[in-house]
Amino acid sequence: MREILFRGKRIDNGEWVEGYYVKALDMYDKEIHTIFDTATTFYSCGETSGFELVDQETIGQYTGFTDKNGKKIWENDIISYQRDNDDCPFPNKDTKKRLGKVFYQGFRSTFAIGMGRNGSRSINDDLWKYVQNGNRVEVIGNRFDNPELLEEQDGEINKNVQ
């Protein structure tokens, strides 16, 4: 069964929460974004608990995949991945490693890997290809907590991908 989950950073303390995403209006008709814990009970009277207000900019969907260590891969995660199999002849094993940001590619209806500053240059690679083929993917951070990884990546792209 497919898990459709979201995560976001809480507005009050910046901690990550994951669960079900709901966008609603408060009593002043202001848009609010919440993540409900998966164990939340919803009552017909509208009362409920187990939700957190989250920063809309940080909301990302679970891809349905885990990395080589069993960690969930989320939209906006920064991953280290390998384009070729281990037995592919390269003079230096590290030249096979790449960094990329996970994003949802709407026109292909899939999660893909973006490269470049902020992960904006798409290499048109589906994430599932790397996860399913020997799982050569590892989550190393995300664009909110580790933006420096994307900046470092630009130098690596120019060095490795040419």
N, C-alpha and C. Protein backbone atom coordinates (compact mmCIF):
# COMPACT_ATOMS: atom_id res chain seq x y z
N MET A 1 0.84 -1.18 0.00
CA MET A 1 0.00 0.00 0.00
C MET A 1 0.88 1.24 0.00
N ARG A 2 0.48 2.25 -0.71
CA ARG A 2 1.23 3.48 -0.85
C ARG A 2 0.97 4.42 0.32
N GLU A 3 2.02 4.97 0.88
CA GLU A 3 1.88 5.95 1.96
C GLU A 3 1.89 7.35 1.34
N ILE A 4 0.84 8.11 1.58
CA ILE A 4 0.79 9.49 1.10
C ILE A 4 0.94 10.38 2.33
N LEU A 5 2.18 10.80 2.56
CA LEU A 5 2.51 11.59 3.73
C LEU A 5 3.19 12.88 3.31
N PHE A 6 3.16 13.84 4.20
CA PHE A 6 3.83 15.12 4.00
C PHE A 6 4.62 15.44 5.25
N ARG A 7 5.60 16.33 5.09
CA ARG A 7 6.30 16.84 6.26
C ARG A 7 6.46 18.34 6.08
N GLY A 8 6.66 19.01 7.20
CA GLY A 8 6.87 20.46 7.20
C GLY A 8 7.48 20.87 8.52
N LYS A 9 8.05 22.08 8.54
CA LYS A 9 8.66 22.60 9.76
C LYS A 9 7.62 23.39 10.55
N ARG A 10 7.53 23.05 11.83
CA ARG A 10 6.58 23.74 12.70
C ARG A 10 6.91 25.23 12.76
N ILE A 11 5.87 26.04 12.80
CA ILE A 11 6.05 27.49 12.89
C ILE A 11 6.59 27.89 14.26
N ASP A 12 6.13 27.22 15.33
CA ASP A 12 6.51 27.65 16.67
C ASP A 12 7.94 27.32 17.07
N ASN A 13 8.49 26.17 16.61
CA ASN A 13 9.84 25.82 17.07
C ASN A 13 10.76 25.29 15.96
N GLY A 14 10.28 25.23 14.73
CA GLY A 14 11.13 24.81 13.62
C GLY A 14 11.41 23.32 13.52
N GLU A 15 10.78 22.51 14.36
CA GLU A 15 10.98 21.06 14.29
C GLU A 15 10.19 20.49 13.11
N TRP A 16 10.71 19.40 12.54
CA TRP A 16 10.03 18.72 11.46
C TRP A 16 8.92 17.83 12.01
N VAL A 17 7.77 17.86 11.35
CA VAL A 17 6.68 16.94 11.68
C VAL A 17 6.23 16.28 10.38
N GLU A 18 5.72 15.07 10.48
CA GLU A 18 5.22 14.39 9.30
C GLU A 18 3.85 13.79 9.58
N GLY A 19 3.06 13.71 8.54
CA GLY A 19 1.72 13.16 8.66
C GLY A 19 0.87 13.59 7.47
N TYR A 20 -0.37 13.95 7.75
CA TYR A 20 -1.31 14.32 6.70
C TYR A 20 -1.39 15.84 6.60
N TYR A 21 -1.29 16.36 5.39
CA TYR A 21 -1.31 17.81 5.17
C TYR A 21 -2.73 18.29 4.92
N VAL A 22 -3.08 19.39 5.60
CA VAL A 22 -4.39 20.03 5.39
C VAL A 22 -4.18 21.54 5.30
N LYS A 23 -4.70 22.13 4.24
CA LYS A 23 -4.71 23.58 4.09
C LYS A 23 -6.13 24.03 4.41
N ALA A 24 -6.26 25.03 5.27
CA ALA A 24 -7.60 25.46 5.70
C ALA A 24 -7.60 26.97 5.92
N LEU A 25 -8.75 27.48 6.31
CA LEU A 25 -8.87 28.89 6.68
C LEU A 25 -9.17 28.97 8.17
N ASP A 26 -8.53 29.91 8.84
CA ASP A 26 -8.84 30.10 10.26
C ASP A 26 -10.10 30.97 10.39
N MET A 27 -10.44 31.33 11.62
CA MET A 27 -11.69 32.08 11.83
C MET A 27 -11.64 33.50 11.26
N TYR A 28 -10.45 33.95 10.86
CA TYR A 28 -10.31 35.27 10.23
C TYR A 28 -10.11 35.15 8.72
N ASP A 29 -10.41 33.98 8.18
CA ASP A 29 -10.24 33.67 6.75
C ASP A 29 -8.80 33.78 6.29
N LYS A 30 -7.87 33.55 7.21
CA LYS A 30 -6.45 33.51 6.86
C LYS A 30 -6.08 32.06 6.58
N GLU A 31 -5.33 31.86 5.50
CA GLU A 31 -4.92 30.51 5.12
C GLU A 31 -3.91 29.96 6.14
N ILE A 32 -4.16 28.73 6.60
CA ILE A 32 -3.22 28.06 7.50
C ILE A 32 -2.85 26.70 6.92
N HIS A 33 -1.66 26.25 7.27
CA HIS A 33 -1.16 24.97 6.77
C HIS A 33 -0.82 24.10 7.96
N THR A 34 -1.40 22.91 7.99
CA THR A 34 -1.22 22.03 9.14
C THR A 34 -0.79 20.64 8.69
N ILE A 35 -0.06 19.99 9.57
CA ILE A 35 0.28 18.58 9.40
C ILE A 35 -0.35 17.85 10.59
N PHE A 36 -1.19 16.87 10.28
CA PHE A 36 -1.83 16.07 11.32
C PHE A 36 -1.03 14.79 11.52
N ASP A 37 -0.81 14.44 12.77
CA ASP A 37 -0.17 13.18 13.10
C ASP A 37 -1.01 12.04 12.53
N THR A 38 -0.37 10.97 12.10
CA THR A 38 -1.10 9.86 11.47
C THR A 38 -2.04 9.15 12.43
N ALA A 39 -1.84 9.34 13.73
CA ALA A 39 -2.70 8.69 14.72
C ALA A 39 -3.85 9.59 15.17
N THR A 40 -4.02 10.75 14.54
CA THR A 40 -5.05 11.70 14.93
C THR A 40 -6.44 11.13 14.69
N THR A 41 -7.34 11.37 15.63
CA THR A 41 -8.75 11.00 15.49
C THR A 41 -9.52 12.25 15.10
N PHE A 42 -10.27 12.15 14.03
CA PHE A 42 -11.09 13.27 13.59
C PHE A 42 -12.52 13.04 14.06
N TYR A 43 -13.10 14.04 14.72
CA TYR A 43 -14.46 13.93 15.25
C TYR A 43 -15.43 14.67 14.34
N SER A 44 -16.65 14.18 14.26
CA SER A 44 -17.65 14.76 13.37
C SER A 44 -18.02 16.19 13.76
N CYS A 45 -17.82 16.55 15.02
CA CYS A 45 -18.15 17.90 15.46
C CYS A 45 -17.10 18.92 15.02
N GLY A 46 -16.00 18.43 14.42
CA GLY A 46 -14.96 19.33 13.94
C GLY A 46 -13.80 19.49 14.91
N GLU A 47 -13.98 19.06 16.15
CA GLU A 47 -12.90 19.15 17.13
C GLU A 47 -11.88 18.04 16.89
N THR A 48 -10.63 18.38 17.04
CA THR A 48 -9.58 17.38 16.90
C THR A 48 -8.30 17.92 17.55
N SER A 49 -7.35 17.06 17.69
CA SER A 49 -6.05 17.47 18.20
C SER A 49 -5.00 16.69 17.41
N GLY A 50 -3.74 16.87 17.75
CA GLY A 50 -2.70 16.12 17.08
C GLY A 50 -2.22 16.75 15.78
N PHE A 51 -2.36 18.07 15.67
CA PHE A 51 -1.88 18.74 14.46
C PHE A 51 -0.93 19.88 14.84
N GLU A 52 -0.10 20.25 13.88
CA GLU A 52 0.85 21.34 14.07
C GLU A 52 0.74 22.31 12.90
N LEU A 53 0.84 23.59 13.19
CA LEU A 53 0.91 24.60 12.14
C LEU A 53 2.32 24.57 11.57
N VAL A 54 2.43 24.54 10.24
CA VAL A 54 3.74 24.45 9.60
C VAL A 54 3.93 25.59 8.59
N ASP A 55 5.20 25.87 8.33
CA ASP A 55 5.58 26.88 7.35
C ASP A 55 5.29 26.31 5.96
N GLN A 56 4.46 26.99 5.20
CA GLN A 56 4.03 26.51 3.88
C GLN A 56 5.23 26.24 2.97
N GLU A 57 6.27 27.05 3.06
CA GLU A 57 7.43 26.90 2.17
C GLU A 57 8.18 25.59 2.39
N THR A 58 8.04 24.99 3.57
CA THR A 58 8.80 23.78 3.90
C THR A 58 8.04 22.48 3.64
N ILE A 59 6.82 22.57 3.21
CA ILE A 59 6.00 21.37 3.02
C ILE A 59 6.51 20.57 1.82
N GLY A 60 6.69 19.28 2.05
CA GLY A 60 7.13 18.38 0.98
C GLY A 60 6.48 17.02 1.14
N GLN A 61 6.29 16.34 0.04
CA GLN A 61 5.64 15.03 0.04
C GLN A 61 6.65 13.91 0.13
N TYR A 62 6.26 12.84 0.80
CA TYR A 62 7.06 11.62 0.85
C TYR A 62 7.01 10.97 -0.52
N THR A 63 8.16 10.58 -1.04
CA THR A 63 8.23 10.01 -2.38
C THR A 63 7.76 8.57 -2.45
N GLY A 64 7.67 7.90 -1.31
CA GLY A 64 7.33 6.48 -1.30
C GLY A 64 8.58 5.60 -1.33
N PHE A 65 9.76 6.23 -1.39
CA PHE A 65 11.02 5.50 -1.46
C PHE A 65 11.85 5.73 -0.20
N THR A 66 12.73 4.80 0.07
CA THR A 66 13.72 4.97 1.14
C THR A 66 15.10 4.88 0.52
N ASP A 67 16.07 5.49 1.20
CA ASP A 67 17.44 5.44 0.69
C ASP A 67 18.10 4.13 1.08
N LYS A 68 19.38 4.00 0.79
CA LYS A 68 20.08 2.73 1.04
C LYS A 68 20.19 2.41 2.52
N ASN A 69 19.92 3.39 3.40
CA ASN A 69 19.95 3.18 4.84
C ASN A 69 18.55 3.01 5.44
N GLY A 70 17.52 2.98 4.60
CA GLY A 70 16.15 2.82 5.08
C GLY A 70 15.49 4.12 5.48
N LYS A 71 16.13 5.27 5.23
CA LYS A 71 15.57 6.58 5.58
C LYS A 71 14.60 7.04 4.48
N LYS A 72 13.44 7.58 4.89
CA LYS A 72 12.46 8.06 3.92
C LYS A 72 13.05 9.19 3.08
N ILE A 73 12.71 9.19 1.80
CA ILE A 73 13.14 10.25 0.90
C ILE A 73 11.95 11.18 0.65
N TRP A 74 12.14 12.46 0.95
CA TRP A 74 11.10 13.46 0.85
C TRP A 74 11.41 14.45 -0.27
N GLU A 75 10.37 15.07 -0.79
CA GLU A 75 10.53 16.19 -1.70
C GLU A 75 11.39 17.24 -1.00
N ASN A 76 12.32 17.86 -1.71
CA ASN A 76 13.27 18.87 -1.19
C ASN A 76 14.44 18.29 -0.41
N ASP A 77 14.54 16.97 -0.33
CA ASP A 77 15.74 16.37 0.26
C ASP A 77 16.91 16.54 -0.70
N ILE A 78 18.10 16.62 -0.14
CA ILE A 78 19.31 16.61 -0.94
C ILE A 78 19.89 15.21 -0.80
N ILE A 79 20.15 14.61 -1.95
CA ILE A 79 20.62 13.22 -1.94
C ILE A 79 21.98 13.11 -2.63
N SER A 80 22.70 12.10 -2.21
CA SER A 80 23.89 11.68 -2.91
C SER A 80 23.46 10.44 -3.68
N TYR A 81 23.76 10.39 -4.95
CA TYR A 81 23.35 9.23 -5.74
C TYR A 81 24.46 8.88 -6.72
N GLN A 82 24.36 7.70 -7.23
CA GLN A 82 25.39 7.18 -8.12
C GLN A 82 24.77 6.85 -9.46
N ARG A 83 25.33 7.40 -10.52
CA ARG A 83 24.76 7.21 -11.85
C ARG A 83 25.07 5.85 -12.46
N ASP A 84 26.19 5.25 -12.06
CA ASP A 84 26.60 3.99 -12.66
C ASP A 84 26.75 2.91 -11.61
N ASN A 85 26.71 1.67 -12.04
CA ASN A 85 26.89 0.55 -11.13
C ASN A 85 28.30 0.54 -10.55
N ASP A 86 28.46 -0.13 -9.42
CA ASP A 86 29.77 -0.22 -8.78
C ASP A 86 30.83 -0.85 -9.67
N ASP A 87 30.43 -1.77 -10.54
CA ASP A 87 31.41 -2.46 -11.36
C ASP A 87 31.80 -1.68 -12.63
N CYS A 88 31.22 -0.50 -12.83
CA CYS A 88 31.56 0.31 -13.99
C CYS A 88 32.99 0.85 -13.82
N PRO A 89 33.83 0.75 -14.84
CA PRO A 89 35.24 1.12 -14.69
C PRO A 89 35.48 2.63 -14.69
N PHE A 90 35.69 3.19 -13.51
CA PHE A 90 36.06 4.59 -13.36
C PHE A 90 37.40 4.63 -12.65
N PRO A 91 38.27 5.57 -12.98
CA PRO A 91 39.56 5.64 -12.30
C PRO A 91 39.42 6.00 -10.82
N ASN A 92 38.39 6.76 -10.49
CA ASN A 92 38.16 7.19 -9.11
C ASN A 92 36.69 6.96 -8.79
N LYS A 93 36.41 6.13 -7.79
CA LYS A 93 35.01 5.79 -7.47
C LYS A 93 34.17 7.02 -7.15
N ASP A 94 34.79 8.08 -6.57
CA ASP A 94 34.02 9.27 -6.20
C ASP A 94 33.50 10.03 -7.42
N THR A 95 34.06 9.82 -8.59
CA THR A 95 33.56 10.54 -9.76
C THR A 95 32.17 10.07 -10.17
N LYS A 96 31.75 8.93 -9.66
CA LYS A 96 30.42 8.42 -9.97
C LYS A 96 29.34 9.05 -9.10
N LYS A 97 29.73 9.69 -8.00
CA LYS A 97 28.76 10.25 -7.06
C LYS A 97 28.29 11.63 -7.53
N ARG A 98 27.02 11.89 -7.34
CA ARG A 98 26.43 13.18 -7.66
C ARG A 98 25.58 13.63 -6.48
N LEU A 99 25.30 14.93 -6.43
CA LEU A 99 24.36 15.47 -5.47
C LEU A 99 23.17 16.02 -6.26
N GLY A 100 21.99 15.92 -5.69
CA GLY A 100 20.81 16.47 -6.34
C GLY A 100 19.71 16.71 -5.33
N LYS A 101 18.75 17.53 -5.74
CA LYS A 101 17.60 17.83 -4.90
C LYS A 101 16.39 17.11 -5.47
N VAL A 102 15.63 16.47 -4.60
CA VAL A 102 14.43 15.74 -5.02
C VAL A 102 13.29 16.74 -5.22
N PHE A 103 12.63 16.63 -6.37
CA PHE A 103 11.48 17.49 -6.64
C PHE A 103 10.43 16.71 -7.42
N TYR A 104 9.21 17.22 -7.40
CA TYR A 104 8.14 16.58 -8.16
C TYR A 104 8.11 17.20 -9.55
N GLN A 105 8.20 16.37 -10.56
CA GLN A 105 8.20 16.82 -11.94
C GLN A 105 6.81 16.59 -12.51
N GLY A 106 6.01 17.64 -12.54
CA GLY A 106 4.61 17.53 -12.91
C GLY A 106 4.33 16.98 -14.28
N PHE A 107 5.09 17.42 -15.29
CA PHE A 107 4.77 16.97 -16.64
C PHE A 107 5.06 15.49 -16.85
N ARG A 108 5.88 14.89 -15.98
CA ARG A 108 6.13 13.45 -16.06
C ARG A 108 5.44 12.69 -14.94
N SER A 109 4.83 13.41 -14.02
CA SER A 109 4.14 12.82 -12.87
C SER A 109 5.04 11.87 -12.09
N THR A 110 6.22 12.36 -11.74
CA THR A 110 7.18 11.54 -11.01
C THR A 110 8.09 12.42 -10.16
N PHE A 111 8.73 11.81 -9.18
CA PHE A 111 9.76 12.52 -8.42
C PHE A 111 11.07 12.37 -9.17
N ALA A 112 11.78 13.47 -9.32
CA ALA A 112 13.00 13.48 -10.11
C ALA A 112 14.13 14.12 -9.30
N ILE A 113 15.33 14.11 -9.89
CA ILE A 113 16.50 14.68 -9.26
C ILE A 113 16.89 15.93 -10.03
N GLY A 114 17.01 17.05 -9.32
CA GLY A 114 17.45 18.30 -9.93
C GLY A 114 18.87 18.60 -9.50
N MET A 115 19.61 19.23 -10.38
CA MET A 115 20.99 19.59 -10.07
C MET A 115 21.14 21.10 -10.19
N GLY A 116 22.27 21.60 -9.74
CA GLY A 116 22.55 23.02 -9.82
C GLY A 116 22.06 23.74 -8.59
N ARG A 117 22.37 25.04 -8.51
CA ARG A 117 21.97 25.84 -7.35
C ARG A 117 20.46 25.73 -7.17
N ASN A 118 20.06 25.39 -5.98
CA ASN A 118 18.65 25.17 -5.63
C ASN A 118 18.01 24.01 -6.38
N GLY A 119 18.82 23.18 -7.01
CA GLY A 119 18.28 22.02 -7.70
C GLY A 119 17.44 22.39 -8.90
N SER A 120 17.75 23.52 -9.54
CA SER A 120 16.89 24.02 -10.61
C SER A 120 17.19 23.42 -11.97
N ARG A 121 18.38 22.87 -12.18
CA ARG A 121 18.69 22.26 -13.47
C ARG A 121 18.29 20.80 -13.43
N SER A 122 17.27 20.47 -14.14
CA SER A 122 16.81 19.09 -14.15
C SER A 122 17.71 18.26 -15.04
N ILE A 123 18.07 17.10 -14.53
CA ILE A 123 18.81 16.17 -15.38
C ILE A 123 17.84 15.13 -15.93
N ASN A 124 16.55 15.40 -15.70
CA ASN A 124 15.50 14.55 -16.25
C ASN A 124 15.62 13.10 -15.81
N ASP A 125 16.11 12.88 -14.62
CA ASP A 125 16.26 11.53 -14.10
C ASP A 125 15.20 11.25 -13.04
N ASP A 126 14.51 10.17 -13.22
CA ASP A 126 13.53 9.75 -12.24
C ASP A 126 14.24 9.16 -11.03
N LEU A 127 13.80 9.55 -9.86
CA LEU A 127 14.38 9.05 -8.62
C LEU A 127 14.26 7.53 -8.53
N TRP A 128 13.14 6.97 -8.96
CA TRP A 128 12.91 5.53 -8.83
C TRP A 128 13.98 4.72 -9.54
N LYS A 129 14.54 5.29 -10.62
CA LYS A 129 15.56 4.57 -11.38
C LYS A 129 16.77 4.23 -10.51
N TYR A 130 17.16 5.16 -9.65
CA TYR A 130 18.32 4.95 -8.79
C TYR A 130 17.98 4.12 -7.56
N VAL A 131 16.77 4.30 -7.05
CA VAL A 131 16.35 3.53 -5.88
C VAL A 131 16.13 2.07 -6.26
N GLN A 132 15.50 1.84 -7.40
CA GLN A 132 15.16 0.47 -7.81
C GLN A 132 16.35 -0.31 -8.36
N ASN A 133 17.34 0.37 -8.86
CA ASN A 133 18.49 -0.29 -9.47
C ASN A 133 19.66 -0.34 -8.47
N GLY A 134 19.52 -1.16 -7.46
CA GLY A 134 20.60 -1.33 -6.48
C GLY A 134 20.63 -0.27 -5.40
N ASN A 135 19.62 0.54 -5.31
CA ASN A 135 19.51 1.64 -4.36
C ASN A 135 20.85 2.32 -4.09
N ARG A 136 21.23 3.16 -5.01
CA ARG A 136 22.47 3.92 -4.91
C ARG A 136 22.20 5.34 -4.44
N VAL A 137 21.20 5.51 -3.57
CA VAL A 137 20.76 6.83 -3.11
C VAL A 137 20.94 6.93 -1.60
N GLU A 138 21.41 8.11 -1.14
CA GLU A 138 21.52 8.36 0.29
C GLU A 138 21.09 9.80 0.57
N VAL A 139 20.17 9.98 1.52
CA VAL A 139 19.73 11.31 1.94
C VAL A 139 20.85 11.91 2.79
N ILE A 140 21.31 13.11 2.40
CA ILE A 140 22.37 13.76 3.16
C ILE A 140 21.92 15.08 3.79
N GLY A 141 20.70 15.50 3.52
CA GLY A 141 20.17 16.73 4.10
C GLY A 141 18.92 17.16 3.36
N ASN A 142 18.56 18.42 3.53
CA ASN A 142 17.44 18.99 2.78
C ASN A 142 17.74 20.46 2.51
N ARG A 143 17.01 21.03 1.58
CA ARG A 143 17.34 22.39 1.14
C ARG A 143 17.06 23.47 2.18
N PHE A 144 16.33 23.15 3.22
CA PHE A 144 16.02 24.13 4.26
C PHE A 144 17.06 24.14 5.37
N ASP A 145 17.48 22.96 5.80
CA ASP A 145 18.45 22.85 6.88
C ASP A 145 19.89 22.85 6.39
N ASN A 146 20.11 22.50 5.13
CA ASN A 146 21.47 22.36 4.60
C ASN A 146 21.62 23.01 3.22
N PRO A 147 21.28 24.30 3.08
CA PRO A 147 21.36 24.93 1.75
C PRO A 147 22.79 24.99 1.22
N GLU A 148 23.77 24.93 2.11
CA GLU A 148 25.17 24.98 1.67
C GLU A 148 25.53 23.78 0.81
N LEU A 149 24.84 22.66 0.98
CA LEU A 149 25.12 21.48 0.16
C LEU A 149 24.83 21.74 -1.31
N LEU A 150 23.79 22.53 -1.58
CA LEU A 150 23.46 22.84 -2.97
C LEU A 150 24.49 23.79 -3.57
N GLU A 151 25.03 24.69 -2.76
CA GLU A 151 26.06 25.59 -3.25
C GLU A 151 27.34 24.82 -3.55
N GLU A 152 27.71 23.90 -2.66
CA GLU A 152 28.90 23.08 -2.87
C GLU A 152 28.72 22.23 -4.12
N GLN A 153 27.49 21.81 -4.36
CA GLN A 153 27.18 20.93 -5.47
C GLN A 153 27.53 21.58 -6.80
N ASP A 154 27.33 22.89 -6.95
CA ASP A 154 27.61 23.54 -8.23
C ASP A 154 29.05 23.31 -8.67
N GLY A 155 29.98 23.40 -7.75
CA GLY A 155 31.38 23.15 -8.08
C GLY A 155 31.60 21.70 -8.48
N GLU A 156 30.93 20.79 -7.79
CA GLU A 156 31.06 19.37 -8.11
C GLU A 156 30.46 19.05 -9.47
N ILE A 157 29.36 19.69 -9.81
CA ILE A 157 28.73 19.44 -11.11
C ILE A 157 29.69 19.84 -12.22
N ASN A 158 30.26 21.03 -12.08
CA ASN A 158 31.16 21.51 -13.12
C ASN A 158 32.38 20.62 -13.25
N LYS A 159 32.81 20.04 -12.14
CA LYS A 159 33.99 19.17 -12.15
C LYS A 159 33.67 17.78 -12.69
N ASN A 160 32.51 17.24 -12.34
CA ASN A 160 32.20 15.84 -12.63
C ASN A 160 31.33 15.61 -13.86
N VAL A 161 30.46 16.55 -14.17
CA VAL A 161 29.50 16.31 -15.25
C VAL A 161 29.87 17.16 -16.45
N GLN A 162 30.70 16.64 -17.31
CA GLN A 162 31.06 17.36 -18.52
C GLN A 162 31.44 16.38 -19.59
